[in-house]
Amino acid sequence: MIALYNFVQSVNITLGVSALILTLVIFAQFRCWIEKWDLLIITGVTLAIVLFVPILDNSIKKQAVVLLAVAAGLIAISITAIFRLIYKLLSVIF
């Protein structure tokens, strides 16, 4: 999203394209087109593109990009764990 915003310079277009990409990734994972290792490869390639293509890193430092990516991953993992815990609790109760 950061790289796309640096490239396009429009918040609306950036959010729309990001939502489209996220929807496609979720659909592909739902259909089992991509597995767990494929997601790591996609993440690595995206990080490499953001870090090494100079036009995409105008407004933010490379360390901040890595820190934001790690923080987003940790938040996603914690939210997933909380929802799994709630699901297991509800399945035991009902």
PDB file of N, CA and C in Angstrom:
ATOM      1  N   MET A   1       0.815  -1.168   0.000  1.00  0.00           N
ATOM      2  CA  MET A   1       0.000   0.000   0.000  1.00  0.00           C
ATOM      3  C   MET A   1       0.875   1.255   0.000  1.00  0.00           C
ATOM      4  N   ILE A   2       1.955   1.207   0.760  1.00  0.00           N
ATOM      5  CA  ILE A   2       2.856   2.352   0.810  1.00  0.00           C
ATOM      6  C   ILE A   2       3.497   2.581  -0.554  1.00  0.00           C
ATOM      7  N   ALA A   3       3.950   1.514  -1.165  1.00  0.00           N
ATOM      8  CA  ALA A   3       4.580   1.637  -2.478  1.00  0.00           C
ATOM      9  C   ALA A   3       3.579   2.101  -3.519  1.00  0.00           C
ATOM     10  N   LEU A   4       2.380   1.591  -3.456  1.00  0.00           N
ATOM     11  CA  LEU A   4       1.350   1.994  -4.410  1.00  0.00           C
ATOM     12  C   LEU A   4       0.996   3.468  -4.246  1.00  0.00           C
ATOM     13  N   TYR A   5       0.927   3.933  -3.000  1.00  0.00           N
ATOM     14  CA  TYR A   5       0.642   5.348  -2.759  1.00  0.00           C
ATOM     15  C   TYR A   5       1.772   6.234  -3.277  1.00  0.00           C
ATOM     16  N   ASN A   6       3.013   5.815  -3.089  1.00  0.00           N
ATOM     17  CA  ASN A   6       4.137   6.590  -3.609  1.00  0.00           C
ATOM     18  C   ASN A   6       4.124   6.641  -5.133  1.00  0.00           C
ATOM     19  N   PHE A   7       3.633   5.590  -5.747  1.00  0.00           N
ATOM     20  CA  PHE A   7       3.605   5.523  -7.203  1.00  0.00           C
ATOM     21  C   PHE A   7       2.437   6.310  -7.791  1.00  0.00           C
ATOM     22  N   VAL A   8       1.256   6.221  -7.172  1.00  0.00           N
ATOM     23  CA  VAL A   8       0.044   6.816  -7.729  1.00  0.00           C
ATOM     24  C   VAL A   8      -0.232   8.214  -7.166  1.00  0.00           C
ATOM     25  N   GLN A   9       0.061   8.446  -5.889  1.00  0.00           N
ATOM     26  CA  GLN A   9      -0.188   9.715  -5.191  1.00  0.00           C
ATOM     27  C   GLN A   9      -1.671  10.058  -5.072  1.00  0.00           C
ATOM     28  N   SER A  10      -2.517   9.057  -4.947  1.00  0.00           N
ATOM     29  CA  SER A  10      -3.943   9.273  -4.739  1.00  0.00           C
ATOM     30  C   SER A  10      -4.436   8.253  -3.713  1.00  0.00           C
ATOM     31  N   VAL A  11      -5.035   8.762  -2.635  1.00  0.00           N
ATOM     32  CA  VAL A  11      -5.482   7.882  -1.560  1.00  0.00           C
ATOM     33  C   VAL A  11      -6.627   6.983  -2.026  1.00  0.00           C
ATOM     34  N   ASN A  12      -7.557   7.523  -2.769  1.00  0.00           N
ATOM     35  CA  ASN A  12      -8.715   6.738  -3.216  1.00  0.00           C
ATOM     36  C   ASN A  12      -8.305   5.593  -4.134  1.00  0.00           C
ATOM     37  N   ILE A  13      -7.452   5.875  -5.086  1.00  0.00           N
ATOM     38  CA  ILE A  13      -6.991   4.822  -6.002  1.00  0.00           C
ATOM     39  C   ILE A  13      -6.175   3.785  -5.245  1.00  0.00           C
ATOM     40  N   THR A  14      -5.334   4.242  -4.315  1.00  0.00           N
ATOM     41  CA  THR A  14      -4.520   3.317  -3.528  1.00  0.00           C
ATOM     42  C   THR A  14      -5.388   2.379  -2.711  1.00  0.00           C
ATOM     43  N   LEU A  15      -6.392   2.911  -2.030  1.00  0.00           N
ATOM     44  CA  LEU A  15      -7.269   2.059  -1.224  1.00  0.00           C
ATOM     45  C   LEU A  15      -8.076   1.103  -2.099  1.00  0.00           C
ATOM     46  N   GLY A  16      -8.536   1.563  -3.241  1.00  0.00           N
ATOM     47  CA  GLY A  16      -9.294   0.696  -4.140  1.00  0.00           C
ATOM     48  C   GLY A  16      -8.468  -0.453  -4.685  1.00  0.00           C
ATOM     49  N   VAL A  17      -7.270  -0.145  -5.149  1.00  0.00           N
ATOM     50  CA  VAL A  17      -6.397  -1.191  -5.690  1.00  0.00           C
ATOM     51  C   VAL A  17      -5.951  -2.139  -4.586  1.00  0.00           C
ATOM     52  N   SER A  18      -5.666  -1.605  -3.399  1.00  0.00           N
ATOM     53  CA  SER A  18      -5.270  -2.463  -2.272  1.00  0.00           C
ATOM     54  C   SER A  18      -6.401  -3.402  -1.871  1.00  0.00           C
ATOM     55  N   ALA A  19      -7.629  -2.891  -1.838  1.00  0.00           N
ATOM     56  CA  ALA A  19      -8.776  -3.741  -1.522  1.00  0.00           C
ATOM     57  C   ALA A  19      -8.980  -4.814  -2.584  1.00  0.00           C
ATOM     58  N   LEU A  20      -8.773  -4.463  -3.844  1.00  0.00           N
ATOM     59  CA  LEU A  20      -8.896  -5.439  -4.928  1.00  0.00           C
ATOM     60  C   LEU A  20      -7.842  -6.532  -4.801  1.00  0.00           C
ATOM     61  N   ILE A  21      -6.600  -6.142  -4.521  1.00  0.00           N
ATOM     62  CA  ILE A  21      -5.524  -7.127  -4.370  1.00  0.00           C
ATOM     63  C   ILE A  21      -5.803  -8.036  -3.186  1.00  0.00           C
ATOM     64  N   LEU A  22      -6.235  -7.461  -2.061  1.00  0.00           N
ATOM     65  CA  LEU A  22      -6.540  -8.267  -0.878  1.00  0.00           C
ATOM     66  C   LEU A  22      -7.683  -9.230  -1.149  1.00  0.00           C
ATOM     67  N   THR A  23      -8.700  -8.774  -1.864  1.00  0.00           N
ATOM     68  CA  THR A  23      -9.816  -9.643  -2.213  1.00  0.00           C
ATOM     69  C   THR A  23      -9.369 -10.794  -3.103  1.00  0.00           C
ATOM     70  N   LEU A  24      -8.515 -10.513  -4.066  1.00  0.00           N
ATOM     71  CA  LEU A  24      -8.006 -11.577  -4.947  1.00  0.00           C
ATOM     72  C   LEU A  24      -7.156 -12.590  -4.184  1.00  0.00           C
ATOM     73  N   VAL A  25      -6.339 -12.117  -3.252  1.00  0.00           N
ATOM     74  CA  VAL A  25      -5.514 -13.036  -2.462  1.00  0.00           C
ATOM     75  C   VAL A  25      -6.386 -13.908  -1.565  1.00  0.00           C
ATOM     76  N   ILE A  26      -7.399 -13.321  -0.947  1.00  0.00           N
ATOM     77  CA  ILE A  26      -8.303 -14.106  -0.099  1.00  0.00           C
ATOM     78  C   ILE A  26      -9.061 -15.131  -0.933  1.00  0.00           C
ATOM     79  N   PHE A  27      -9.538 -14.741  -2.106  1.00  0.00           N
ATOM     80  CA  PHE A  27     -10.248 -15.677  -2.982  1.00  0.00           C
ATOM     81  C   PHE A  27      -9.322 -16.807  -3.446  1.00  0.00           C
ATOM     82  N   ALA A  28      -8.082 -16.462  -3.789  1.00  0.00           N
ATOM     83  CA  ALA A  28      -7.137 -17.486  -4.241  1.00  0.00           C
ATOM     84  C   ALA A  28      -6.797 -18.457  -3.118  1.00  0.00           C
ATOM     85  N   GLN A  29      -6.691 -17.945  -1.895  1.00  0.00           N
ATOM     86  CA  GLN A  29      -6.408 -18.841  -0.781  1.00  0.00           C
ATOM     87  C   GLN A  29      -7.634 -19.691  -0.454  1.00  0.00           C
ATOM     88  N   PHE A  30      -8.824 -19.138  -0.586  1.00  0.00           N
ATOM     89  CA  PHE A  30     -10.051 -19.893  -0.344  1.00  0.00           C
ATOM     90  C   PHE A  30     -10.188 -21.041  -1.338  1.00  0.00           C
ATOM     91  N   ARG A  31      -9.808 -20.812  -2.581  1.00  0.00           N
ATOM     92  CA  ARG A  31      -9.881 -21.839  -3.619  1.00  0.00           C
ATOM     93  C   ARG A  31      -8.677 -22.783  -3.601  1.00  0.00           C
ATOM     94  N   CYS A  32      -7.783 -22.599  -2.655  1.00  0.00           N
ATOM     95  CA  CYS A  32      -6.557 -23.403  -2.494  1.00  0.00           C
ATOM     96  C   CYS A  32      -5.632 -23.286  -3.708  1.00  0.00           C
ATOM     97  N   TRP A  33      -5.651 -22.148  -4.363  1.00  0.00           N
ATOM     98  CA  TRP A  33      -4.710 -21.909  -5.452  1.00  0.00           C
ATOM     99  C   TRP A  33      -3.338 -21.573  -4.898  1.00  0.00           C
ATOM    100  N   ILE A  34      -3.324 -20.932  -3.731  1.00  0.00           N
ATOM    101  CA  ILE A  34      -2.054 -20.634  -3.077  1.00  0.00           C
ATOM    102  C   ILE A  34      -2.058 -21.280  -1.705  1.00  0.00           C
ATOM    103  N   GLU A  35      -0.915 -21.799  -1.339  1.00  0.00           N
ATOM    104  CA  GLU A  35      -0.761 -22.478  -0.056  1.00  0.00           C
ATOM    105  C   GLU A  35       0.054 -21.595   0.869  1.00  0.00           C
ATOM    106  N   LYS A  36       0.470 -22.159   2.002  1.00  0.00           N
ATOM    107  CA  LYS A  36       1.168 -21.349   2.996  1.00  0.00           C
ATOM    108  C   LYS A  36       2.529 -20.865   2.502  1.00  0.00           C
ATOM    109  N   TRP A  37       3.266 -21.651   1.752  1.00  0.00           N
ATOM    110  CA  TRP A  37       4.584 -21.227   1.278  1.00  0.00           C
ATOM    111  C   TRP A  37       4.476 -20.188   0.167  1.00  0.00           C
ATOM    112  N   ASP A  38       3.423 -20.262  -0.600  1.00  0.00           N
ATOM    113  CA  ASP A  38       3.224 -19.270  -1.660  1.00  0.00           C
ATOM    114  C   ASP A  38       3.020 -17.875  -1.078  1.00  0.00           C
ATOM    115  N   LEU A  39       2.325 -17.794   0.057  1.00  0.00           N
ATOM    116  CA  LEU A  39       2.121 -16.494   0.695  1.00  0.00           C
ATOM    117  C   LEU A  39       3.441 -15.901   1.174  1.00  0.00           C
ATOM    118  N   LEU A  40       4.338 -16.744   1.672  1.00  0.00           N
ATOM    119  CA  LEU A  40       5.652 -16.250   2.079  1.00  0.00           C
ATOM    120  C   LEU A  40       6.460 -15.760   0.881  1.00  0.00           C
ATOM    121  N   ILE A  41       6.346 -16.446  -0.235  1.00  0.00           N
ATOM    122  CA  ILE A  41       7.052 -16.025  -1.448  1.00  0.00           C
ATOM    123  C   ILE A  41       6.497 -14.692  -1.943  1.00  0.00           C
ATOM    124  N   ILE A  42       5.172 -14.541  -1.942  1.00  0.00           N
ATOM    125  CA  ILE A  42       4.560 -13.281  -2.354  1.00  0.00           C
ATOM    126  C   ILE A  42       5.012 -12.147  -1.447  1.00  0.00           C
ATOM    127  N   THR A  43       5.060 -12.397  -0.143  1.00  0.00           N
ATOM    128  CA  THR A  43       5.500 -11.381   0.802  1.00  0.00           C
ATOM    129  C   THR A  43       6.954 -11.002   0.571  1.00  0.00           C
ATOM    130  N   GLY A  44       7.817 -11.978   0.362  1.00  0.00           N
ATOM    131  CA  GLY A  44       9.228 -11.695   0.120  1.00  0.00           C
ATOM    132  C   GLY A  44       9.471 -10.909  -1.150  1.00  0.00           C
ATOM    133  N   VAL A  45       8.777 -11.276  -2.210  1.00  0.00           N
ATOM    134  CA  VAL A  45       8.925 -10.559  -3.473  1.00  0.00           C
ATOM    135  C   VAL A  45       8.422  -9.123  -3.338  1.00  0.00           C
ATOM    136  N   THR A  46       7.303  -8.937  -2.655  1.00  0.00           N
ATOM    137  CA  THR A  46       6.768  -7.589  -2.446  1.00  0.00           C
ATOM    138  C   THR A  46       7.725  -6.738  -1.627  1.00  0.00           C
ATOM    139  N   LEU A  47       8.285  -7.305  -0.570  1.00  0.00           N
ATOM    140  CA  LEU A  47       9.245  -6.567   0.247  1.00  0.00           C
ATOM    141  C   LEU A  47      10.485  -6.208  -0.554  1.00  0.00           C
ATOM    142  N   ALA A  48      10.966  -7.127  -1.366  1.00  0.00           N
ATOM    143  CA  ALA A  48      12.135  -6.837  -2.197  1.00  0.00           C
ATOM    144  C   ALA A  48      11.842  -5.719  -3.197  1.00  0.00           C
ATOM    145  N   ILE A  49      10.665  -5.736  -3.783  1.00  0.00           N
ATOM    146  CA  ILE A  49      10.302  -4.678  -4.726  1.00  0.00           C
ATOM    147  C   ILE A  49      10.251  -3.324  -4.024  1.00  0.00           C
ATOM    148  N   VAL A  50       9.644  -3.280  -2.843  1.00  0.00           N
ATOM    149  CA  VAL A  50       9.527  -2.017  -2.120  1.00  0.00           C
ATOM    150  C   VAL A  50      10.902  -1.511  -1.687  1.00  0.00           C
ATOM    151  N   LEU A  51      11.767  -2.412  -1.269  1.00  0.00           N
ATOM    152  CA  LEU A  51      13.071  -1.986  -0.758  1.00  0.00           C
ATOM    153  C   LEU A  51      14.054  -1.604  -1.860  1.00  0.00           C
ATOM    154  N   PHE A  52      13.974  -2.234  -3.019  1.00  0.00           N
ATOM    155  CA  PHE A  52      15.018  -2.052  -4.026  1.00  0.00           C
ATOM    156  C   PHE A  52      14.605  -1.257  -5.264  1.00  0.00           C
ATOM    157  N   VAL A  53      13.344  -0.897  -5.403  1.00  0.00           N
ATOM    158  CA  VAL A  53      12.933  -0.049  -6.518  1.00  0.00           C
ATOM    159  C   VAL A  53      12.889   1.385  -6.001  1.00  0.00           C
ATOM    160  N   PRO A  54      13.762   2.253  -6.492  1.00  0.00           N
ATOM    161  CA  PRO A  54      13.908   3.581  -5.887  1.00  0.00           C
ATOM    162  C   PRO A  54      12.685   4.493  -6.005  1.00  0.00           C
ATOM    163  N   ILE A  55      11.857   4.316  -7.010  1.00  0.00           N
ATOM    164  CA  ILE A  55      10.702   5.203  -7.165  1.00  0.00           C
ATOM    165  C   ILE A  55       9.636   4.932  -6.101  1.00  0.00           C
ATOM    166  N   LEU A  56       9.671   3.768  -5.479  1.00  0.00           N
ATOM    167  CA  LEU A  56       8.625   3.393  -4.535  1.00  0.00           C
ATOM    168  C   LEU A  56       8.921   3.776  -3.092  1.00  0.00           C
ATOM    169  N   ASP A  57      10.120   4.249  -2.792  1.00  0.00           N
ATOM    170  CA  ASP A  57      10.446   4.549  -1.390  1.00  0.00           C
ATOM    171  C   ASP A  57      10.764   6.028  -1.174  1.00  0.00           C
ATOM    172  N   ASN A  58       9.958   6.902  -1.735  1.00  0.00           N
ATOM    173  CA  ASN A  58      10.199   8.338  -1.626  1.00  0.00           C
ATOM    174  C   ASN A  58       9.901   8.890  -0.245  1.00  0.00           C
ATOM    175  N   SER A  59       8.816   8.476   0.365  1.00  0.00           N
ATOM    176  CA  SER A  59       8.353   9.171   1.560  1.00  0.00           C
ATOM    177  C   SER A  59       8.656   8.452   2.866  1.00  0.00           C
ATOM    178  N   ILE A  60       9.108   7.227   2.848  1.00  0.00           N
ATOM    179  CA  ILE A  60       9.270   6.483   4.089  1.00  0.00           C
ATOM    180  C   ILE A  60      10.593   5.719   4.053  1.00  0.00           C
ATOM    181  N   LYS A  61      11.236   5.605   5.202  1.00  0.00           N
ATOM    182  CA  LYS A  61      12.522   4.929   5.276  1.00  0.00           C
ATOM    183  C   LYS A  61      12.339   3.421   5.182  1.00  0.00           C
ATOM    184  N   LYS A  62      13.399   2.745   4.749  1.00  0.00           N
ATOM    185  CA  LYS A  62      13.325   1.295   4.566  1.00  0.00           C
ATOM    186  C   LYS A  62      13.115   0.565   5.886  1.00  0.00           C
ATOM    187  N   GLN A  63      13.714   1.062   6.968  1.00  0.00           N
ATOM    188  CA  GLN A  63      13.529   0.433   8.269  1.00  0.00           C
ATOM    189  C   GLN A  63      12.067   0.553   8.723  1.00  0.00           C
ATOM    190  N   ALA A  64      11.433   1.664   8.393  1.00  0.00           N
ATOM    191  CA  ALA A  64      10.033   1.843   8.759  1.00  0.00           C
ATOM    192  C   ALA A  64       9.139   0.884   7.979  1.00  0.00           C
ATOM    193  N   VAL A  65       9.479   0.616   6.723  1.00  0.00           N
ATOM    194  CA  VAL A  65       8.694  -0.326   5.924  1.00  0.00           C
ATOM    195  C   VAL A  65       8.773  -1.727   6.539  1.00  0.00           C
ATOM    196  N   VAL A  66       9.969  -2.137   6.908  1.00  0.00           N
ATOM    197  CA  VAL A  66      10.143  -3.462   7.517  1.00  0.00           C
ATOM    198  C   VAL A  66       9.423  -3.521   8.864  1.00  0.00           C
ATOM    199  N   LEU A  67       9.550  -2.464   9.666  1.00  0.00           N
ATOM    200  CA  LEU A  67       8.898  -2.430  10.969  1.00  0.00           C
ATOM    201  C   LEU A  67       7.373  -2.464  10.832  1.00  0.00           C
ATOM    202  N   LEU A  68       6.829  -1.716   9.886  1.00  0.00           N
ATOM    203  CA  LEU A  68       5.383  -1.742   9.654  1.00  0.00           C
ATOM    204  C   LEU A  68       4.907  -3.116   9.181  1.00  0.00           C
ATOM    205  N   ALA A  69       5.688  -3.756   8.336  1.00  0.00           N
ATOM    206  CA  ALA A  69       5.307  -5.089   7.853  1.00  0.00           C
ATOM    207  C   ALA A  69       5.311  -6.108   8.986  1.00  0.00           C
ATOM    208  N   VAL A  70       6.336  -6.062   9.823  1.00  0.00           N
ATOM    209  CA  VAL A  70       6.413  -6.994  10.956  1.00  0.00           C
ATOM    210  C   VAL A  70       5.280  -6.727  11.939  1.00  0.00           C
ATOM    211  N   ALA A  71       5.017  -5.452  12.227  1.00  0.00           N
ATOM    212  CA  ALA A  71       3.936  -5.109  13.147  1.00  0.00           C
ATOM    213  C   ALA A  71       2.585  -5.558  12.603  1.00  0.00           C
ATOM    214  N   ALA A  72       2.348  -5.357  11.319  1.00  0.00           N
ATOM    215  CA  ALA A  72       1.078  -5.789  10.717  1.00  0.00           C
ATOM    216  C   ALA A  72       0.934  -7.306  10.785  1.00  0.00           C
ATOM    217  N   GLY A  73       2.028  -8.021  10.544  1.00  0.00           N
ATOM    218  CA  GLY A  73       1.982  -9.482  10.641  1.00  0.00           C
ATOM    219  C   GLY A  73       1.683  -9.962  12.048  1.00  0.00           C
ATOM    220  N   LEU A  74       2.320  -9.341  13.041  1.00  0.00           N
ATOM    221  CA  LEU A  74       2.073  -9.724  14.428  1.00  0.00           C
ATOM    222  C   LEU A  74       0.647  -9.411  14.865  1.00  0.00           C
ATOM    223  N   ILE A  75       0.131  -8.291  14.418  1.00  0.00           N
ATOM    224  CA  ILE A  75      -1.255  -7.944  14.743  1.00  0.00           C
ATOM    225  C   ILE A  75      -2.224  -8.930  14.089  1.00  0.00           C
ATOM    226  N   ALA A  76      -1.960  -9.292  12.836  1.00  0.00           N
ATOM    227  CA  ALA A  76      -2.830 -10.253  12.149  1.00  0.00           C
ATOM    228  C   ALA A  76      -2.803 -11.617  12.827  1.00  0.00           C
ATOM    229  N   ILE A  77      -1.631 -12.047  13.258  1.00  0.00           N
ATOM    230  CA  ILE A  77      -1.512 -13.340  13.946  1.00  0.00           C
ATOM    231  C   ILE A  77      -2.253 -13.304  15.273  1.00  0.00           C
ATOM    232  N   SER A  78      -2.120 -12.212  16.022  1.00  0.00           N
ATOM    233  CA  SER A  78      -2.794 -12.131  17.318  1.00  0.00           C
ATOM    234  C   SER A  78      -4.312 -12.082  17.157  1.00  0.00           C
ATOM    235  N   ILE A  79      -4.795 -11.347  16.158  1.00  0.00           N
ATOM    236  CA  ILE A  79      -6.245 -11.304  15.927  1.00  0.00           C
ATOM    237  C   ILE A  79      -6.764 -12.674  15.512  1.00  0.00           C
ATOM    238  N   THR A  80      -6.016 -13.371  14.677  1.00  0.00           N
ATOM    239  CA  THR A  80      -6.410 -14.726  14.274  1.00  0.00           C
ATOM    240  C   THR A  80      -6.449 -15.666  15.467  1.00  0.00           C
ATOM    241  N   ALA A  81      -5.457 -15.574  16.343  1.00  0.00           N
ATOM    242  CA  ALA A  81      -5.425 -16.432  17.535  1.00  0.00           C
ATOM    243  C   ALA A  81      -6.605 -16.131  18.455  1.00  0.00           C
ATOM    244  N   ILE A  82      -6.936 -14.868  18.609  1.00  0.00           N
ATOM    245  CA  ILE A  82      -8.074 -14.503  19.462  1.00  0.00           C
ATOM    246  C   ILE A  82      -9.374 -15.054  18.888  1.00  0.00           C
ATOM    247  N   PHE A  83      -9.571 -14.933  17.576  1.00  0.00           N
ATOM    248  CA  PHE A  83     -10.796 -15.459  16.978  1.00  0.00           C
ATOM    249  C   PHE A  83     -10.863 -16.986  17.040  1.00  0.00           C
ATOM    250  N   ARG A  84      -9.716 -17.648  16.896  1.00  0.00           N
ATOM    251  CA  ARG A  84      -9.720 -19.118  17.038  1.00  0.00           C
ATOM    252  C   ARG A  84     -10.063 -19.522  18.455  1.00  0.00           C
ATOM    253  N   LEU A  85      -9.535 -18.780  19.436  1.00  0.00           N
ATOM    254  CA  LEU A  85      -9.841 -19.073  20.828  1.00  0.00           C
ATOM    255  C   LEU A  85     -11.322 -18.860  21.118  1.00  0.00           C
ATOM    256  N   ILE A  86     -11.891 -17.783  20.618  1.00  0.00           N
ATOM    257  CA  ILE A  86     -13.320 -17.526  20.815  1.00  0.00           C
ATOM    258  C   ILE A  86     -14.160 -18.601  20.128  1.00  0.00           C
ATOM    259  N   TYR A  87     -13.751 -19.015  18.921  1.00  0.00           N
ATOM    260  CA  TYR A  87     -14.485 -20.060  18.204  1.00  0.00           C
ATOM    261  C   TYR A  87     -14.459 -21.377  18.978  1.00  0.00           C
ATOM    262  N   LYS A  88     -13.286 -21.736  19.492  1.00  0.00           N
ATOM    263  CA  LYS A  88     -13.203 -22.990  20.263  1.00  0.00           C
ATOM    264  C   LYS A  88     -14.031 -22.904  21.538  1.00  0.00           C
ATOM    265  N   LEU A  89     -14.014 -21.762  22.198  1.00  0.00           N
ATOM    266  CA  LEU A  89     -14.800 -21.589  23.398  1.00  0.00           C
ATOM    267  C   LEU A  89     -16.283 -21.715  23.104  1.00  0.00           C
ATOM    268  N   LEU A  90     -16.739 -21.077  22.023  1.00  0.00           N
ATOM    269  CA  LEU A  90     -18.144 -21.157  21.662  1.00  0.00           C
ATOM    270  C   LEU A  90     -18.542 -22.551  21.207  1.00  0.00           C
ATOM    271  N   SER A  91     -17.644 -23.266  20.542  1.00  0.00           N
ATOM    272  CA  SER A  91     -17.988 -24.620  20.099  1.00  0.00           C
ATOM    273  C   SER A  91     -18.064 -25.588  21.284  1.00  0.00           C
ATOM    274  N   VAL A  92     -17.308 -25.337  22.327  1.00  0.00           N
ATOM    275  CA  VAL A  92     -17.399 -26.174  23.519  1.00  0.00           C
ATOM    276  C   VAL A  92     -18.684 -25.885  24.277  1.00  0.00           C
ATOM    277  N   ILE A  93     -19.062 -24.620  24.348  1.00  0.00           N
ATOM    278  CA  ILE A  93     -20.254 -24.234  25.088  1.00  0.00           C
ATOM    279  C   ILE A  93     -21.513 -24.681  24.364  1.00  0.00           C
ATOM    280  N   PHE A  94     -21.572 -24.496  23.046  1.00  0.00           N
ATOM    281  CA  PHE A  94     -22.768 -24.849  22.297  1.00  0.00           C
ATOM    282  C   PHE A  94     -22.530 -26.119  21.596  1.00  0.00           C
TER     283      PHE A  94
END
